[in-house]
């Protein structure tokens, strides 16, 4: 691995003047690249689909080495539950963590 490339990528991603934003993970303020949205899970054969507010947080592995399902991330006062690690990028040494909140059923 090239440490110089990792440093360049992390400096670009986690500069709070550009992409980086503050989140709280395990009572620590850390930088993250944040994507907020929603997910609709359509269950075939069922009359109810599941809708949830979703978020993805890309963080340095050194700030969150082993995030686990059920742990919490707070962003701008809103608490999201970690669902899973979506992606680990070895070049930039980051995890992209998939999170959600407000799960609810809706009729199809």
Protein backbone atom coordinates (compact mmCIF):
# COMPACT_ATOMS: atom_id res chain seq x y z
CA UNK A 1 0.00 0.00 0.00
CA UNK A 2 1.19 3.51 -0.75
CA UNK A 3 0.89 5.68 2.38
CA UNK A 4 1.27 8.87 0.34
CA UNK A 5 -1.81 8.04 -1.75
CA UNK A 6 -3.80 7.20 1.40
CA UNK A 7 -2.82 10.54 2.95
CA UNK A 8 -3.82 12.49 -0.18
CA UNK A 9 -7.19 10.72 -0.38
CA UNK A 10 -7.97 11.20 3.32
CA UNK A 11 -6.95 14.89 3.23
CA UNK A 12 -9.33 15.46 0.32
CA UNK A 13 -12.24 13.47 1.78
CA UNK A 14 -12.11 14.59 5.40
CA UNK A 15 -11.37 18.28 5.03
CA UNK A 16 -14.37 19.91 6.73
CA UNK A 17 -14.16 22.88 4.35
CA UNK A 18 -15.08 20.56 1.47
CA UNK A 19 -16.57 17.09 2.03
CA UNK A 20 -16.00 16.20 5.69
CA UNK A 21 -18.71 16.70 8.30
CA UNK A 22 -18.72 15.97 12.02
CA UNK A 23 -20.52 12.86 13.32
CA UNK A 24 -20.49 11.26 16.75
CA UNK A 25 -19.43 7.63 17.01
CA UNK A 26 -18.81 5.98 20.39
CA UNK A 27 -18.94 9.42 22.09
CA UNK A 28 -16.17 10.76 19.83
CA UNK A 29 -16.50 13.50 17.22
CA UNK A 30 -15.01 12.25 13.96
CA UNK A 31 -15.01 13.41 10.34
CA UNK A 32 -17.20 11.65 7.79
CA UNK A 33 -18.46 12.01 4.25
CA UNK A 34 -22.25 11.90 4.71
CA UNK A 35 -25.03 10.76 2.36
CA UNK A 36 -28.64 10.94 3.60
CA UNK A 37 -31.61 9.36 1.81
CA UNK A 38 -34.33 6.74 2.07
CA UNK A 39 -34.81 3.07 1.25
CA UNK A 40 -37.84 1.10 0.17
CA UNK A 41 -37.67 -2.66 0.61
CA UNK A 42 -40.32 -4.36 -1.48
CA UNK A 43 -41.13 -7.83 -0.13
CA UNK A 44 -42.60 -10.06 -2.89
CA UNK A 45 -45.78 -11.83 -1.84
CA UNK A 46 -46.49 -9.45 1.03
CA UNK A 47 -48.93 -6.56 1.03
CA UNK A 48 -46.61 -4.33 3.10
CA UNK A 49 -43.26 -2.87 2.07
CA UNK A 50 -40.71 -1.48 4.51
CA UNK A 51 -39.59 2.13 4.28
CA UNK A 52 -36.67 3.55 6.28
CA UNK A 53 -34.59 6.69 6.45
CA UNK A 54 -31.06 5.73 5.45
CA UNK A 55 -27.59 7.21 5.73
CA UNK A 56 -24.13 6.25 4.62
CA UNK A 57 -21.10 7.52 6.50
CA UNK A 58 -17.62 7.13 5.06
CA UNK A 59 -15.07 7.28 7.88
CA UNK A 60 -11.38 6.63 8.41
CA UNK A 61 -10.69 3.07 9.57
CA UNK A 62 -8.47 4.57 12.28
CA UNK A 63 -11.53 6.46 13.67
CA UNK A 64 -13.91 3.48 13.48
CA UNK A 65 -11.87 0.27 13.15
CA UNK A 66 -14.70 -2.21 13.71
CA UNK A 67 -18.21 -0.69 13.56
CA UNK A 68 -20.89 -3.21 14.48
CA UNK A 69 -24.56 -3.65 13.69
CA UNK A 70 -26.71 -1.96 16.33
CA UNK A 71 -24.17 0.70 17.31
CA UNK A 72 -25.20 4.33 16.93
CA UNK A 73 -23.98 7.25 14.85
CA UNK A 74 -25.30 10.74 15.54
CA UNK A 75 -25.39 13.29 12.74
CA UNK A 76 -26.74 16.81 13.35
CA UNK A 77 -28.62 15.55 16.42
CA UNK A 78 -30.25 12.61 14.60
CA UNK A 79 -29.37 9.09 15.74
CA UNK A 80 -28.89 6.36 13.12
CA UNK A 81 -28.38 2.66 13.86
CA UNK A 82 -25.53 0.91 12.09
CA UNK A 83 -26.78 -1.87 9.80
CA UNK A 84 -23.49 -3.03 8.27
CA UNK A 85 -20.19 -2.05 6.72
CA UNK A 86 -21.09 -1.47 3.09
CA UNK A 87 -17.56 -1.03 1.75
CA UNK A 88 -13.99 -1.12 3.02
CA UNK A 89 -11.57 0.78 0.78
CA UNK A 90 -8.00 -0.34 1.39
CA UNK A 91 -6.49 2.43 -0.74
CA UNK A 92 -8.06 5.29 1.21
CA UNK A 93 -8.25 3.26 4.46
CA UNK A 94 -11.98 4.00 4.92
CA UNK A 95 -15.19 2.20 5.79
CA UNK A 96 -18.52 3.19 4.29
CA UNK A 97 -21.09 2.37 6.95
CA UNK A 98 -24.76 1.79 6.08
CA UNK A 99 -27.19 3.07 8.73
CA UNK A 100 -30.94 3.55 9.10
CA UNK A 101 -33.72 4.90 11.34
CA UNK A 102 -37.52 5.19 11.34
CA UNK A 103 -38.36 1.78 9.91
CA UNK A 104 -42.05 1.61 9.02
CA UNK A 105 -44.39 -0.48 6.93
CA UNK A 106 -46.48 0.90 4.09
CA UNK A 107 -49.24 -0.78 2.11
CA UNK A 108 -48.47 -1.59 -1.50
